PDB file of N, CA and C in Angstrom:
ATOM      1  N   MET A   1       0.838  -1.172   0.000  1.00  0.00           N
ATOM      2  CA  MET A   1       0.000   0.000   0.000  1.00  0.00           C
ATOM      3  C   MET A   1       0.892   1.247   0.000  1.00  0.00           C
ATOM      4  N   GLN A   2       0.588   2.179  -0.856  1.00  0.00           N
ATOM      5  CA  GLN A   2       1.343   3.420  -0.924  1.00  0.00           C
ATOM      6  C   GLN A   2       0.756   4.420   0.060  1.00  0.00           C
ATOM      7  N   THR A   3       1.638   5.084   0.807  1.00  0.00           N
ATOM      8  CA  THR A   3       1.210   6.108   1.753  1.00  0.00           C
ATOM      9  C   THR A   3       2.069   7.342   1.558  1.00  0.00           C
ATOM     10  N   TYR A   4       1.681   8.414   2.221  1.00  0.00           N
ATOM     11  CA  TYR A   4       2.456   9.655   2.179  1.00  0.00           C
ATOM     12  C   TYR A   4       3.846   9.432   2.765  1.00  0.00           C
ATOM     13  N   TYR A   5       3.913   8.636   3.809  1.00  0.00           N
ATOM     14  CA  TYR A   5       5.168   8.337   4.482  1.00  0.00           C
ATOM     15  C   TYR A   5       5.880   7.203   3.760  1.00  0.00           C
ATOM     16  N   ASP A   6       7.077   7.450   3.301  1.00  0.00           N
ATOM     17  CA  ASP A   6       7.890   6.431   2.646  1.00  0.00           C
ATOM     18  C   ASP A   6       9.141   6.220   3.491  1.00  0.00           C
ATOM     19  N   PRO A   7       9.286   5.074   4.150  1.00  0.00           N
ATOM     20  CA  PRO A   7      10.454   4.827   4.989  1.00  0.00           C
ATOM     21  C   PRO A   7      11.780   5.058   4.248  1.00  0.00           C
ATOM     22  N   GLY A   8      11.794   4.871   2.949  1.00  0.00           N
ATOM     23  CA  GLY A   8      13.012   5.096   2.176  1.00  0.00           C
ATOM     24  C   GLY A   8      13.455   6.552   2.148  1.00  0.00           C
ATOM     25  N   ASP A   9      12.517   7.452   2.448  1.00  0.00           N
ATOM     26  CA  ASP A   9      12.867   8.873   2.451  1.00  0.00           C
ATOM     27  C   ASP A   9      13.810   9.251   3.587  1.00  0.00           C
ATOM     28  N   LEU A  10      13.831   8.459   4.649  1.00  0.00           N
ATOM     29  CA  LEU A  10      14.731   8.756   5.767  1.00  0.00           C
ATOM     30  C   LEU A  10      16.175   8.833   5.298  1.00  0.00           C
ATOM     31  N   ALA A  11      16.538   7.975   4.383  1.00  0.00           N
ATOM     32  CA  ALA A  11      17.911   7.969   3.856  1.00  0.00           C
ATOM     33  C   ALA A  11      18.230   9.218   3.054  1.00  0.00           C
ATOM     34  N   LYS A  12      17.218   9.957   2.662  1.00  0.00           N
ATOM     35  CA  LYS A  12      17.409  11.175   1.866  1.00  0.00           C
ATOM     36  C   LYS A  12      17.503  12.436   2.729  1.00  0.00           C
ATOM     37  N   PHE A  13      17.481  12.270   4.042  1.00  0.00           N
ATOM     38  CA  PHE A  13      17.449  13.420   4.942  1.00  0.00           C
ATOM     39  C   PHE A  13      18.586  14.403   4.676  1.00  0.00           C
ATOM     40  N   GLY A  14      19.766  13.896   4.395  1.00  0.00           N
ATOM     41  CA  GLY A  14      20.914  14.763   4.139  1.00  0.00           C
ATOM     42  C   GLY A  14      20.738  15.672   2.938  1.00  0.00           C
ATOM     43  N   GLU A  15      19.864  15.285   2.017  1.00  0.00           N
ATOM     44  CA  GLU A  15      19.617  16.097   0.826  1.00  0.00           C
ATOM     45  C   GLU A  15      18.927  17.416   1.146  1.00  0.00           C
ATOM     46  N   ILE A  16      18.361  17.521   2.335  1.00  0.00           N
ATOM     47  CA  ILE A  16      17.635  18.732   2.712  1.00  0.00           C
ATOM     48  C   ILE A  16      18.548  19.960   2.696  1.00  0.00           C
ATOM     49  N   GLY A  17      19.843  19.732   2.755  1.00  0.00           N
ATOM     50  CA  GLY A  17      20.780  20.846   2.771  1.00  0.00           C
ATOM     51  C   GLY A  17      21.321  21.260   1.422  1.00  0.00           C
ATOM     52  N   GLU A  18      20.868  20.647   0.359  1.00  0.00           N
ATOM     53  CA  GLU A  18      21.448  20.945  -0.952  1.00  0.00           C
ATOM     54  C   GLU A  18      21.278  22.398  -1.363  1.00  0.00           C
ATOM     55  N   GLU A  19      20.160  22.998  -1.041  1.00  0.00           N
ATOM     56  CA  GLU A  19      19.923  24.390  -1.441  1.00  0.00           C
ATOM     57  C   GLU A  19      20.388  25.395  -0.384  1.00  0.00           C
ATOM     58  N   ALA A  20      20.715  24.916   0.800  1.00  0.00           N
ATOM     59  CA  ALA A  20      21.180  25.788   1.886  1.00  0.00           C
ATOM     60  C   ALA A  20      22.269  25.055   2.670  1.00  0.00           C
ATOM     61  N   PRO A  21      23.398  24.801   2.029  1.00  0.00           N
ATOM     62  CA  PRO A  21      24.424  23.965   2.663  1.00  0.00           C
ATOM     63  C   PRO A  21      25.009  24.541   3.951  1.00  0.00           C
ATOM     64  N   GLU A  22      25.139  25.862   4.053  1.00  0.00           N
ATOM     65  CA  GLU A  22      25.724  26.448   5.258  1.00  0.00           C
ATOM     66  C   GLU A  22      24.810  26.232   6.469  1.00  0.00           C
ATOM     67  N   VAL A  23      23.536  26.453   6.245  1.00  0.00           N
ATOM     68  CA  VAL A  23      22.566  26.289   7.333  1.00  0.00           C
ATOM     69  C   VAL A  23      22.449  24.812   7.703  1.00  0.00           C
ATOM     70  N   ALA A  24      22.411  23.954   6.705  1.00  0.00           N
ATOM     71  CA  ALA A  24      22.314  22.521   6.958  1.00  0.00           C
ATOM     72  C   ALA A  24      23.519  22.027   7.746  1.00  0.00           C
ATOM     73  N   LYS A  25      24.704  22.495   7.371  1.00  0.00           N
ATOM     74  CA  LYS A  25      25.909  22.086   8.094  1.00  0.00           C
ATOM     75  C   LYS A  25      25.813  22.482   9.554  1.00  0.00           C
ATOM     76  N   LYS A  26      25.339  23.682   9.826  1.00  0.00           N
ATOM     77  CA  LYS A  26      25.191  24.128  11.217  1.00  0.00           C
ATOM     78  C   LYS A  26      24.206  23.236  11.969  1.00  0.00           C
ATOM     79  N   PHE A  27      23.096  22.918  11.321  1.00  0.00           N
ATOM     80  CA  PHE A  27      22.125  22.050  11.975  1.00  0.00           C
ATOM     81  C   PHE A  27      22.729  20.682  12.258  1.00  0.00           C
ATOM     82  N   PHE A  28      23.336  20.067  11.252  1.00  0.00           N
ATOM     83  CA  PHE A  28      23.860  18.716  11.432  1.00  0.00           C
ATOM     84  C   PHE A  28      25.029  18.679  12.413  1.00  0.00           C
ATOM     85  N   ASP A  29      25.847  19.744  12.450  1.00  0.00           N
ATOM     86  CA  ASP A  29      26.912  19.822  13.466  1.00  0.00           C
ATOM     87  C   ASP A  29      26.302  19.893  14.866  1.00  0.00           C
ATOM     88  N   TYR A  30      25.277  20.724  15.018  1.00  0.00           N
ATOM     89  CA  TYR A  30      24.584  20.851  16.302  1.00  0.00           C
ATOM     90  C   TYR A  30      23.956  19.515  16.691  1.00  0.00           C
ATOM     91  N   TYR A  31      23.257  18.908  15.758  1.00  0.00           N
ATOM     92  CA  TYR A  31      22.576  17.631  15.988  1.00  0.00           C
ATOM     93  C   TYR A  31      23.576  16.581  16.468  1.00  0.00           C
ATOM     94  N   GLN A  32      24.712  16.502  15.800  1.00  0.00           N
ATOM     95  CA  GLN A  32      25.746  15.541  16.168  1.00  0.00           C
ATOM     96  C   GLN A  32      26.282  15.836  17.568  1.00  0.00           C
ATOM     97  N   ALA A  33      26.480  17.101  17.895  1.00  0.00           N
ATOM     98  CA  ALA A  33      26.974  17.477  19.221  1.00  0.00           C
ATOM     99  C   ALA A  33      25.964  17.125  20.306  1.00  0.00           C
ATOM    100  N   VAL A  34      24.701  17.354  20.026  1.00  0.00           N
ATOM    101  CA  VAL A  34      23.653  17.055  21.006  1.00  0.00           C
ATOM    102  C   VAL A  34      23.640  15.572  21.361  1.00  0.00           C
ATOM    103  N   PHE A  35      23.820  14.710  20.376  1.00  0.00           N
ATOM    104  CA  PHE A  35      23.715  13.276  20.612  1.00  0.00           C
ATOM    105  C   PHE A  35      25.031  12.615  21.006  1.00  0.00           C
ATOM    106  N   ALA A  36      26.101  13.401  21.131  1.00  0.00           N
ATOM    107  CA  ALA A  36      27.376  12.857  21.594  1.00  0.00           C
ATOM    108  C   ALA A  36      27.283  12.557  23.092  1.00  0.00           C
ATOM    109  N   GLU A  37      28.083  11.613  23.526  1.00  0.00           N
ATOM    110  CA  GLU A  37      28.151  11.264  24.947  1.00  0.00           C
ATOM    111  C   GLU A  37      28.478  12.514  25.752  1.00  0.00           C
ATOM    112  N   GLY A  38      27.765  12.720  26.817  1.00  0.00           N
ATOM    113  CA  GLY A  38      27.984  13.871  27.695  1.00  0.00           C
ATOM    114  C   GLY A  38      27.538  13.497  29.092  1.00  0.00           C
ATOM    115  N   GLU A  39      26.786  14.373  29.724  1.00  0.00           N
ATOM    116  CA  GLU A  39      26.218  14.049  31.041  1.00  0.00           C
ATOM    117  C   GLU A  39      25.247  12.880  30.921  1.00  0.00           C
ATOM    118  N   LEU A  40      24.604  12.775  29.778  1.00  0.00           N
ATOM    119  CA  LEU A  40      23.751  11.629  29.473  1.00  0.00           C
ATOM    120  C   LEU A  40      24.499  10.718  28.514  1.00  0.00           C
ATOM    121  N   THR A  41      24.268   9.435  28.636  1.00  0.00           N
ATOM    122  CA  THR A  41      24.886   8.495  27.700  1.00  0.00           C
ATOM    123  C   THR A  41      24.177   8.587  26.351  1.00  0.00           C
ATOM    124  N   GLU A  42      24.823   8.077  25.324  1.00  0.00           N
ATOM    125  CA  GLU A  42      24.188   8.029  24.006  1.00  0.00           C
ATOM    126  C   GLU A  42      22.923   7.178  24.053  1.00  0.00           C
ATOM    127  N   ARG A  43      22.926   6.152  24.870  1.00  0.00           N
ATOM    128  CA  ARG A  43      21.752   5.290  25.027  1.00  0.00           C
ATOM    129  C   ARG A  43      20.594   6.061  25.658  1.00  0.00           C
ATOM    130  N   GLU A  44      20.882   6.822  26.702  1.00  0.00           N
ATOM    131  CA  GLU A  44      19.839   7.620  27.353  1.00  0.00           C
ATOM    132  C   GLU A  44      19.278   8.666  26.390  1.00  0.00           C
ATOM    133  N   LYS A  45      20.153   9.303  25.636  1.00  0.00           N
ATOM    134  CA  LYS A  45      19.709  10.299  24.668  1.00  0.00           C
ATOM    135  C   LYS A  45      18.842   9.670  23.584  1.00  0.00           C
ATOM    136  N   ALA A  46      19.185   8.469  23.165  1.00  0.00           N
ATOM    137  CA  ALA A  46      18.382   7.778  22.160  1.00  0.00           C
ATOM    138  C   ALA A  46      16.987   7.460  22.697  1.00  0.00           C
ATOM    139  N   LEU A  47      16.892   7.052  23.963  1.00  0.00           N
ATOM    140  CA  LEU A  47      15.577   6.792  24.568  1.00  0.00           C
ATOM    141  C   LEU A  47      14.738   8.061  24.649  1.00  0.00           C
ATOM    142  N   ILE A  48      15.382   9.168  25.019  1.00  0.00           N
ATOM    143  CA  ILE A  48      14.672  10.449  25.051  1.00  0.00           C
ATOM    144  C   ILE A  48      14.182  10.795  23.644  1.00  0.00           C
ATOM    145  N   ALA A  49      15.060  10.640  22.670  1.00  0.00           N
ATOM    146  CA  ALA A  49      14.698  10.960  21.287  1.00  0.00           C
ATOM    147  C   ALA A  49      13.545  10.090  20.810  1.00  0.00           C
ATOM    148  N   LEU A  50      13.554   8.820  21.166  1.00  0.00           N
ATOM    149  CA  LEU A  50      12.466   7.926  20.775  1.00  0.00           C
ATOM    150  C   LEU A  50      11.146   8.390  21.391  1.00  0.00           C
ATOM    151  N   ALA A  51      11.182   8.760  22.655  1.00  0.00           N
ATOM    152  CA  ALA A  51       9.968   9.238  23.323  1.00  0.00           C
ATOM    153  C   ALA A  51       9.465  10.535  22.683  1.00  0.00           C
ATOM    154  N   VAL A  52      10.368  11.462  22.426  1.00  0.00           N
ATOM    155  CA  VAL A  52       9.989  12.722  21.787  1.00  0.00           C
ATOM    156  C   VAL A  52       9.455  12.465  20.381  1.00  0.00           C
ATOM    157  N   ALA A  53      10.062  11.551  19.668  1.00  0.00           N
ATOM    158  CA  ALA A  53       9.602  11.211  18.311  1.00  0.00           C
ATOM    159  C   ALA A  53       8.142  10.781  18.327  1.00  0.00           C
ATOM    160  N   HIS A  54       7.771  10.039  19.345  1.00  0.00           N
ATOM    161  CA  HIS A  54       6.365   9.636  19.470  1.00  0.00           C
ATOM    162  C   HIS A  54       5.489  10.819  19.848  1.00  0.00           C
ATOM    163  N   ALA A  55       5.982  11.686  20.719  1.00  0.00           N
ATOM    164  CA  ALA A  55       5.192  12.844  21.132  1.00  0.00           C
ATOM    165  C   ALA A  55       4.936  13.797  19.962  1.00  0.00           C
ATOM    166  N   VAL A  56       5.930  13.966  19.091  1.00  0.00           N
ATOM    167  CA  VAL A  56       5.754  14.862  17.939  1.00  0.00           C
ATOM    168  C   VAL A  56       5.278  14.101  16.709  1.00  0.00           C
ATOM    169  N   GLN A  57       5.126  12.802  16.842  1.00  0.00           N
ATOM    170  CA  GLN A  57       4.573  11.923  15.813  1.00  0.00           C
ATOM    171  C   GLN A  57       5.346  11.978  14.496  1.00  0.00           C
ATOM    172  N   CYS A  58       6.654  11.811  14.608  1.00  0.00           N
ATOM    173  CA  CYS A  58       7.516  11.784  13.421  1.00  0.00           C
ATOM    174  C   CYS A  58       7.865  10.336  13.088  1.00  0.00           C
ATOM    175  N   PRO A  59       7.251   9.767  12.047  1.00  0.00           N
ATOM    176  CA  PRO A  59       7.526   8.363  11.736  1.00  0.00           C
ATOM    177  C   PRO A  59       8.982   8.106  11.347  1.00  0.00           C
ATOM    178  N   TYR A  60       9.622   9.090  10.732  1.00  0.00           N
ATOM    179  CA  TYR A  60      11.032   8.919  10.364  1.00  0.00           C
ATOM    180  C   TYR A  60      11.895   8.821  11.621  1.00  0.00           C
ATOM    181  N   CYS A  61      11.618   9.690  12.589  1.00  0.00           N
ATOM    182  CA  CYS A  61      12.371   9.669  13.846  1.00  0.00           C
ATOM    183  C   CYS A  61      12.088   8.393  14.633  1.00  0.00           C
ATOM    184  N   ILE A  62      10.838   7.941  14.598  1.00  0.00           N
ATOM    185  CA  ILE A  62      10.495   6.696  15.287  1.00  0.00           C
ATOM    186  C   ILE A  62      11.318   5.550  14.708  1.00  0.00           C
ATOM    187  N   ASP A  63      11.369   5.454  13.397  1.00  0.00           N
ATOM    188  CA  ASP A  63      12.177   4.403  12.762  1.00  0.00           C
ATOM    189  C   ASP A  63      13.647   4.545  13.147  1.00  0.00           C
ATOM    190  N   ALA A  64      14.171   5.745  13.011  1.00  0.00           N
ATOM    191  CA  ALA A  64      15.597   5.970  13.258  1.00  0.00           C
ATOM    192  C   ALA A  64      15.967   5.691  14.707  1.00  0.00           C
ATOM    193  N   TYR A  65      15.177   6.191  15.650  1.00  0.00           N
ATOM    194  CA  TYR A  65      15.546   6.044  17.055  1.00  0.00           C
ATOM    195  C   TYR A  65      15.166   4.696  17.637  1.00  0.00           C
ATOM    196  N   THR A  66      14.249   3.973  17.016  1.00  0.00           N
ATOM    197  CA  THR A  66      14.030   2.581  17.410  1.00  0.00           C
ATOM    198  C   THR A  66      15.300   1.793  17.105  1.00  0.00           C
ATOM    199  N   THR A  67      15.818   1.989  15.905  1.00  0.00           N
ATOM    200  CA  THR A  67      17.057   1.320  15.508  1.00  0.00           C
ATOM    201  C   THR A  67      18.211   1.734  16.407  1.00  0.00           C
ATOM    202  N   THR A  68      18.361   3.049  16.637  1.00  0.00           N
ATOM    203  CA  THR A  68      19.461   3.544  17.469  1.00  0.00           C
ATOM    204  C   THR A  68      19.364   2.995  18.884  1.00  0.00           C
ATOM    205  N   CYS A  69      18.159   2.991  19.454  1.00  0.00           N
ATOM    206  CA  CYS A  69      17.995   2.450  20.809  1.00  0.00           C
ATOM    207  C   CYS A  69      18.455   0.997  20.881  1.00  0.00           C
ATOM    208  N   LEU A  70      18.052   0.209  19.910  1.00  0.00           N
ATOM    209  CA  LEU A  70      18.470  -1.192  19.900  1.00  0.00           C
ATOM    210  C   LEU A  70      19.983  -1.316  19.754  1.00  0.00           C
ATOM    211  N   GLU A  71      20.560  -0.493  18.881  1.00  0.00           N
ATOM    212  CA  GLU A  71      22.019  -0.514  18.691  1.00  0.00           C
ATOM    213  C   GLU A  71      22.763  -0.092  19.953  1.00  0.00           C
ATOM    214  N   LYS A  72      22.167   0.789  20.750  1.00  0.00           N
ATOM    215  CA  LYS A  72      22.817   1.290  21.969  1.00  0.00           C
ATOM    216  C   LYS A  72      22.533   0.409  23.179  1.00  0.00           C
ATOM    217  N   GLY A  73      21.783  -0.685  22.981  1.00  0.00           N
ATOM    218  CA  GLY A  73      21.597  -1.651  24.053  1.00  0.00           C
ATOM    219  C   GLY A  73      20.268  -1.595  24.783  1.00  0.00           C
ATOM    220  N   SER A  74      19.353  -0.768  24.333  1.00  0.00           N
ATOM    221  CA  SER A  74      18.029  -0.740  24.960  1.00  0.00           C
ATOM    222  C   SER A  74      17.226  -1.943  24.500  1.00  0.00           C
ATOM    223  N   ASN A  75      16.224  -2.280  25.290  1.00  0.00           N
ATOM    224  CA  ASN A  75      15.346  -3.369  24.893  1.00  0.00           C
ATOM    225  C   ASN A  75      13.932  -2.832  24.696  1.00  0.00           C
ATOM    226  N   LYS A  76      13.065  -3.686  24.193  1.00  0.00           N
ATOM    227  CA  LYS A  76      11.709  -3.259  23.860  1.00  0.00           C
ATOM    228  C   LYS A  76      10.948  -2.762  25.093  1.00  0.00           C
ATOM    229  N   ALA A  77      11.183  -3.369  26.253  1.00  0.00           N
ATOM    230  CA  ALA A  77      10.501  -2.936  27.475  1.00  0.00           C
ATOM    231  C   ALA A  77      10.913  -1.514  27.871  1.00  0.00           C
ATOM    232  N   GLU A  78      12.203  -1.214  27.804  1.00  0.00           N
ATOM    233  CA  GLU A  78      12.678   0.141  28.123  1.00  0.00           C
ATOM    234  C   GLU A  78      12.122   1.155  27.127  1.00  0.00           C
ATOM    235  N   MET A  79      12.126   0.785  25.859  1.00  0.00           N
ATOM    236  CA  MET A  79      11.636   1.686  24.830  1.00  0.00           C
ATOM    237  C   MET A  79      10.143   1.936  25.012  1.00  0.00           C
ATOM    238  N   THR A  80       9.400   0.906  25.347  1.00  0.00           N
ATOM    239  CA  THR A  80       7.966   1.060  25.572  1.00  0.00           C
ATOM    240  C   THR A  80       7.711   1.966  26.770  1.00  0.00           C
ATOM    241  N   GLU A  81       8.487   1.803  27.828  1.00  0.00           N
ATOM    242  CA  GLU A  81       8.329   2.656  29.011  1.00  0.00           C
ATOM    243  C   GLU A  81       8.622   4.116  28.671  1.00  0.00           C
ATOM    244  N   ALA A  82       9.649   4.348  27.864  1.00  0.00           N
ATOM    245  CA  ALA A  82       9.971   5.719  27.451  1.00  0.00           C
ATOM    246  C   ALA A  82       8.807   6.337  26.682  1.00  0.00           C
ATOM    247  N   ILE A  83       8.180   5.545  25.818  1.00  0.00           N
ATOM    248  CA  ILE A  83       7.032   6.038  25.053  1.00  0.00           C
ATOM    249  C   ILE A  83       5.871   6.364  25.990  1.00  0.00           C
ATOM    250  N   HIS A  84       5.676   5.544  27.012  1.00  0.00           N
ATOM    251  CA  HIS A  84       4.611   5.824  27.986  1.00  0.00           C
ATOM    252  C   HIS A  84       4.884   7.118  28.748  1.00  0.00           C
ATOM    253  N   VAL A  85       6.138   7.402  29.044  1.00  0.00           N
ATOM    254  CA  VAL A  85       6.479   8.665  29.697  1.00  0.00           C
ATOM    255  C   VAL A  85       6.075   9.826  28.797  1.00  0.00           C
ATOM    256  N   ALA A  86       6.418   9.740  27.514  1.00  0.00           N
ATOM    257  CA  ALA A  86       6.046  10.800  26.571  1.00  0.00           C
ATOM    258  C   ALA A  86       4.535  10.941  26.489  1.00  0.00           C
ATOM    259  N   CYS A  87       3.841   9.833  26.465  1.00  0.00           N
ATOM    260  CA  CYS A  87       2.382   9.842  26.388  1.00  0.00           C
ATOM    261  C   CYS A  87       1.783  10.516  27.628  1.00  0.00           C
ATOM    262  N   ALA A  88       2.316  10.202  28.808  1.00  0.00           N
ATOM    263  CA  ALA A  88       1.811  10.797  30.045  1.00  0.00           C
ATOM    264  C   ALA A  88       2.031  12.308  30.054  1.00  0.00           C
ATOM    265  N   ILE A  89       3.196  12.750  29.623  1.00  0.00           N
ATOM    266  CA  ILE A  89       3.483  14.185  29.577  1.00  0.00           C
ATOM    267  C   ILE A  89       2.599  14.874  28.553  1.00  0.00           C
ATOM    268  N   ARG A  90       2.466  14.273  27.383  1.00  0.00           N
ATOM    269  CA  ARG A  90       1.621  14.877  26.350  1.00  0.00           C
ATOM    270  C   ARG A  90       0.162  14.926  26.796  1.00  0.00           C
ATOM    271  N   GLY A  91      -0.310  13.843  27.390  1.00  0.00           N
ATOM    272  CA  GLY A  91      -1.682  13.812  27.882  1.00  0.00           C
ATOM    273  C   GLY A  91      -1.898  14.821  28.999  1.00  0.00           C
ATOM    274  N   GLY A  92      -0.955  14.888  29.913  1.00  0.00           N
ATOM    275  CA  GLY A  92      -1.053  15.852  31.006  1.00  0.00           C
ATOM    276  C   GLY A  92      -1.037  17.284  30.501  1.00  0.00           C
ATOM    277  N   ALA A  93      -0.213  17.539  29.493  1.00  0.00           N
ATOM    278  CA  ALA A  93      -0.154  18.889  28.923  1.00  0.00           C
ATOM    279  C   ALA A  93      -1.480  19.265  28.283  1.00  0.00           C
ATOM    280  N   SER A  94      -2.135  18.303  27.655  1.00  0.00           N
ATOM    281  CA  SER A  94      -3.462  18.577  27.085  1.00  0.00           C
ATOM    282  C   SER A  94      -4.469  18.830  28.192  1.00  0.00           C
ATOM    283  N   LEU A  95      -4.439  18.008  29.218  1.00  0.00           N
ATOM    284  CA  LEU A  95      -5.399  18.157  30.301  1.00  0.00           C
ATOM    285  C   LEU A  95      -5.225  19.465  31.071  1.00  0.00           C
ATOM    286  N   VAL A  96      -3.992  19.851  31.328  1.00  0.00           N
ATOM    287  CA  VAL A  96      -3.777  21.070  32.107  1.00  0.00           C
ATOM    288  C   VAL A  96      -4.274  22.303  31.359  1.00  0.00           C
ATOM    289  N   HIS A  97      -4.334  22.228  30.031  1.00  0.00           N
ATOM    290  CA  HIS A  97      -4.905  23.333  29.273  1.00  0.00           C
ATOM    291  C   HIS A  97      -6.404  23.437  29.507  1.00  0.00           C
ATOM    292  N   GLY A  98      -6.986  22.415  30.107  1.00  0.00           N
ATOM    293  CA  GLY A  98      -8.381  22.493  30.513  1.00  0.00           C
ATOM    294  C   GLY A  98      -8.615  23.603  31.527  1.00  0.00           C
ATOM    295  N   VAL A  99      -7.573  23.970  32.252  1.00  0.00           N
ATOM    296  CA  VAL A  99      -7.682  25.097  33.187  1.00  0.00           C
ATOM    297  C   VAL A  99      -7.991  26.371  32.405  1.00  0.00           C
ATOM    298  N   GLN A 100      -7.363  26.543  31.254  1.00  0.00           N
ATOM    299  CA  GLN A 100      -7.636  27.703  30.401  1.00  0.00           C
ATOM    300  C   GLN A 100      -9.106  27.714  29.990  1.00  0.00           C
ATOM    301  N   MET A 101      -9.609  26.565  29.566  1.00  0.00           N
ATOM    302  CA  MET A 101     -11.010  26.454  29.182  1.00  0.00           C
ATOM    303  C   MET A 101     -11.905  26.818  30.358  1.00  0.00           C
ATOM    304  N   ARG A 102     -11.582  26.313  31.533  1.00  0.00           N
ATOM    305  CA  ARG A 102     -12.382  26.597  32.718  1.00  0.00           C
ATOM    306  C   ARG A 102     -12.347  28.089  33.066  1.00  0.00           C
ATOM    307  N   ASN A 103     -11.185  28.709  32.902  1.00  0.00           N
ATOM    308  CA  ASN A 103     -11.063  30.144  33.168  1.00  0.00           C
ATOM    309  C   ASN A 103     -11.968  30.945  32.234  1.00  0.00           C
ATOM    310  N   VAL A 104     -11.950  30.606  30.942  1.00  0.00           N
ATOM    311  CA  VAL A 104     -12.788  31.306  29.964  1.00  0.00           C
ATOM    312  C   VAL A 104     -14.260  31.072  30.287  1.00  0.00           C
ATOM    313  N   CYS A 105     -14.611  29.834  30.611  1.00  0.00           N
ATOM    314  CA  CYS A 105     -16.013  29.544  30.970  1.00  0.00           C
ATOM    315  C   CYS A 105     -16.448  30.380  32.172  1.00  0.00           C
ATOM    316  N   SER A 106     -15.570  30.522  33.144  1.00  0.00           N
ATOM    317  CA  SER A 106     -15.916  31.314  34.320  1.00  0.00           C
ATOM    318  C   SER A 106     -16.159  32.772  33.987  1.00  0.00           C
ATOM    319  N   LYS A 107     -15.421  33.281  33.008  1.00  0.00           N
ATOM    320  CA  LYS A 107     -15.554  34.685  32.619  1.00  0.00           C
ATOM    321  C   LYS A 107     -16.818  34.947  31.821  1.00  0.00           C
ATOM    322  N   ILE A 108     -17.243  33.980  30.995  1.00  0.00           N
ATOM    323  CA  ILE A 108     -18.376  34.282  30.111  1.00  0.00           C
ATOM    324  C   ILE A 108     -19.660  33.548  30.453  1.00  0.00           C
ATOM    325  N   SER A 109     -19.613  32.634  31.398  1.00  0.00           N
ATOM    326  CA  SER A 109     -20.829  31.893  31.764  1.00  0.00           C
ATOM    327  C   SER A 109     -21.818  32.822  32.453  1.00  0.00           C
ATOM    328  N   LEU A 110     -23.078  32.592  32.153  1.00  0.00           N
ATOM    329  CA  LEU A 110     -24.137  33.391  32.773  1.00  0.00           C
ATOM    330  C   LEU A 110     -24.585  32.775  34.066  1.00  0.00           C
TER     331      LEU A 110
END
């Protein structure tokens, strides 16, 4: 089945810089620095990235960071737990905006 999302497009990500190579280089240098070992291990950063990928619903990132997590030694249970953390934060962020709705209702309700 053909869909808008083509997993093969992930391999073309580097092409995004062809028309703006200076800006792309800065982004990719930054990206590489962010994911380098630091206070967090590369494995921990990959788990965070996988969780964020689910929160922002990027199928390319989900594919990439699922692979990276496995390569860095994570297992399916850890990855699933990370996704649940993202889900809880995203759900909580939606719910807390209910306070805004309640505030507006209080102002305009008769």
